[in-house]
Protein backbone atom coordinates (compact mmCIF):
# COMPACT_ATOMS: atom_id res chain seq x y z
CA MET A 1 0.12 -0.47 -0.21
CA MET A 2 1.90 3.26 -0.87
CA ASN A 3 1.58 6.51 1.53
CA LYS A 4 -1.42 8.69 0.84
CA ILE A 5 -0.10 12.01 -0.45
CA GLU A 6 -1.24 15.09 1.46
CA PHE A 7 -3.07 18.03 -0.39
CA ASP A 8 -2.09 21.65 0.17
CA GLU A 9 -3.24 24.47 -1.96
CA LEU A 10 -1.81 28.36 -2.42
CA SER A 11 -4.12 31.01 -1.66
CA GLU A 12 -4.49 32.17 -5.00
CA PHE A 13 -5.30 28.84 -6.65
CA LYS A 14 -8.40 28.72 -3.54
CA LYS A 15 -9.52 31.95 -5.38
CA ASP A 16 -9.38 30.52 -8.55
CA LEU A 17 -11.39 27.50 -8.19
CA LYS A 18 -13.91 30.10 -6.11
CA ARG A 19 -13.98 31.85 -9.37
CA LEU A 20 -14.55 29.06 -11.64
CA LEU A 21 -17.05 27.07 -9.54
CA LYS A 22 -19.39 30.01 -10.33
CA LYS A 23 -19.15 28.69 -14.00
CA TYR A 24 -18.68 25.05 -13.28
CA ARG A 25 -20.57 23.70 -10.38
CA THR A 26 -19.00 20.12 -10.22
CA LEU A 27 -15.38 21.47 -10.04
CA GLU A 28 -14.98 20.80 -6.12
CA GLU A 29 -15.98 17.19 -6.89
CA ASP A 30 -13.69 16.63 -10.09
CA LEU A 31 -10.93 17.73 -8.03
CA GLU A 32 -11.34 15.02 -5.98
CA VAL A 33 -11.27 12.48 -8.64
CA VAL A 34 -7.94 14.47 -9.62
CA LYS A 35 -6.50 13.54 -6.49
CA LEU A 36 -7.36 10.05 -6.44
CA ASP A 37 -5.13 9.73 -9.74
CA LEU A 38 -2.58 11.70 -8.20
CA ASN A 39 -2.59 9.40 -5.38
CA ASP A 40 -1.58 6.89 -7.68
CA GLU A 41 0.48 8.64 -10.61
CA PRO A 42 1.46 11.95 -8.76
CA GLY A 43 4.17 12.35 -11.27
CA GLU A 44 3.84 13.66 -14.99
CA SER A 45 1.69 11.02 -16.83
CA PRO A 46 1.53 11.79 -20.44
CA PRO A 47 -0.62 12.93 -22.62
CA PHE A 48 -2.53 13.75 -19.45
CA SER A 49 0.07 15.80 -17.72
CA PHE A 50 3.56 17.13 -18.29
CA ARG A 51 6.20 18.68 -16.39
CA ILE A 52 6.95 22.54 -17.13
CA ASP A 53 10.71 22.97 -17.31
CA ASN A 54 12.53 26.42 -17.78
CA LEU A 55 11.71 27.71 -14.40
CA GLY A 56 14.85 27.46 -13.12
CA LEU A 57 13.08 25.87 -10.11
CA GLU A 58 14.59 22.49 -8.12
CA THR A 59 10.64 21.56 -7.08
CA CYS A 60 8.99 19.38 -9.98
CA ILE A 61 5.85 21.48 -11.30
CA ILE A 62 3.24 19.45 -13.06
CA LYS A 63 0.44 20.94 -15.38
CA ILE A 64 -2.61 18.36 -16.16
CA LYS A 65 -4.06 19.31 -19.72
CA LYS A 66 -6.73 16.58 -19.29
CA ILE A 67 -9.12 17.45 -16.27
CA ALA A 68 -12.70 15.36 -16.62
CA CYS A 69 -15.13 18.21 -15.75
CA LYS A 70 -18.67 16.75 -14.96
CA ALA A 71 -20.14 20.92 -15.34
CA LEU A 72 -18.83 20.67 -19.04
CA LYS A 73 -20.87 17.97 -20.42
CA GLY A 74 -19.78 15.74 -23.34
CA ARG A 75 -16.26 17.33 -23.22
CA GLY A 76 -14.94 14.12 -20.82
CA VAL A 77 -11.22 14.87 -20.61
CA ASN A 78 -11.05 17.41 -23.38
CA SER A 79 -13.02 20.09 -20.56
CA GLY A 80 -9.94 22.24 -21.37
CA LEU A 81 -9.41 23.38 -17.77
CA ARG A 82 -5.37 23.22 -16.43
CA LEU A 83 -4.06 22.32 -12.98
CA ILE A 84 -0.97 23.48 -12.35
CA TYR A 85 0.88 21.59 -9.12
CA ALA A 86 4.12 21.12 -7.35
CA HIS A 87 4.81 17.85 -7.00
CA PHE A 88 7.40 17.05 -3.52
CA THR A 89 8.55 13.41 -3.92
CA ASP A 90 10.43 13.19 -1.10
CA GLU A 91 8.09 14.69 1.08
CA GLN A 92 4.47 13.16 -0.41
CA LYS A 93 3.16 16.17 -1.21
CA ILE A 94 1.11 18.22 -3.66
CA THR A 95 0.80 21.87 -3.70
CA PHE A 96 -2.12 22.85 -5.77
CA ILE A 97 -0.91 25.87 -7.46
CA GLU A 98 -3.44 27.44 -10.47
CA LEU A 99 -6.67 26.49 -11.94
CA TYR A 100 -7.44 27.84 -15.16
CA HIS A 101 -9.73 27.16 -18.16
CA LYS A 102 -7.59 27.47 -21.23
CA ASN A 103 -10.46 29.96 -23.05
CA ASP A 104 -9.46 32.06 -20.35
CA LYS A 105 -5.76 32.77 -20.23
CA GLU A 106 -3.54 30.77 -22.80
CA ASN A 107 -0.69 29.40 -20.21
CA GLU A 108 0.06 29.13 -16.18
CA ASP A 109 1.45 31.96 -14.75
CA LYS A 110 4.92 31.55 -14.18
CA LYS A 111 5.16 34.33 -12.20
CA ARG A 112 3.08 32.77 -9.38
CA ILE A 113 5.04 29.49 -9.58
CA THR A 114 8.62 31.22 -9.20
CA ASP A 115 7.24 33.45 -6.47
CA ASN A 116 6.31 30.42 -4.40
CA PHE A 117 8.52 28.07 -4.86
CA LYS A 118 12.51 27.54 -5.06
C-alpha cells in the first residue's frame, strides 16, 4: 500500500477555484477525482500531464492538461481546464498552484510559480 499524498493549495489557487466554481459547479467534485488519480500517479503522465521546465526551479512543477469536468457535458477529459501543481516526491506532498480554463488564458502564471517555489 502506498503512502497517501498530502494535498495543499496556494491561496491564489483557492481564488481560482472559487471563481471557476461559479461557471463549473462540479469542480470541487472533479478535483477529488483528480486527487485520487494523483495518489496513484503523482508524477507526470503524458499525454495527460507534463512537467513544466525552464522555470529555474528545483521543485517539480506539473501541468495537467486533461481534467474531466462533469459540468462540461460531453467534453470529458478535453474540458479545457488546466491544473498546475508542485510535486514534492520526498515529502509525498502536492501543492495545487493554479487552476484555469484555456479559453481564459493561454499559459500558466510563471510568476506565481516562481514566487512560491524555489
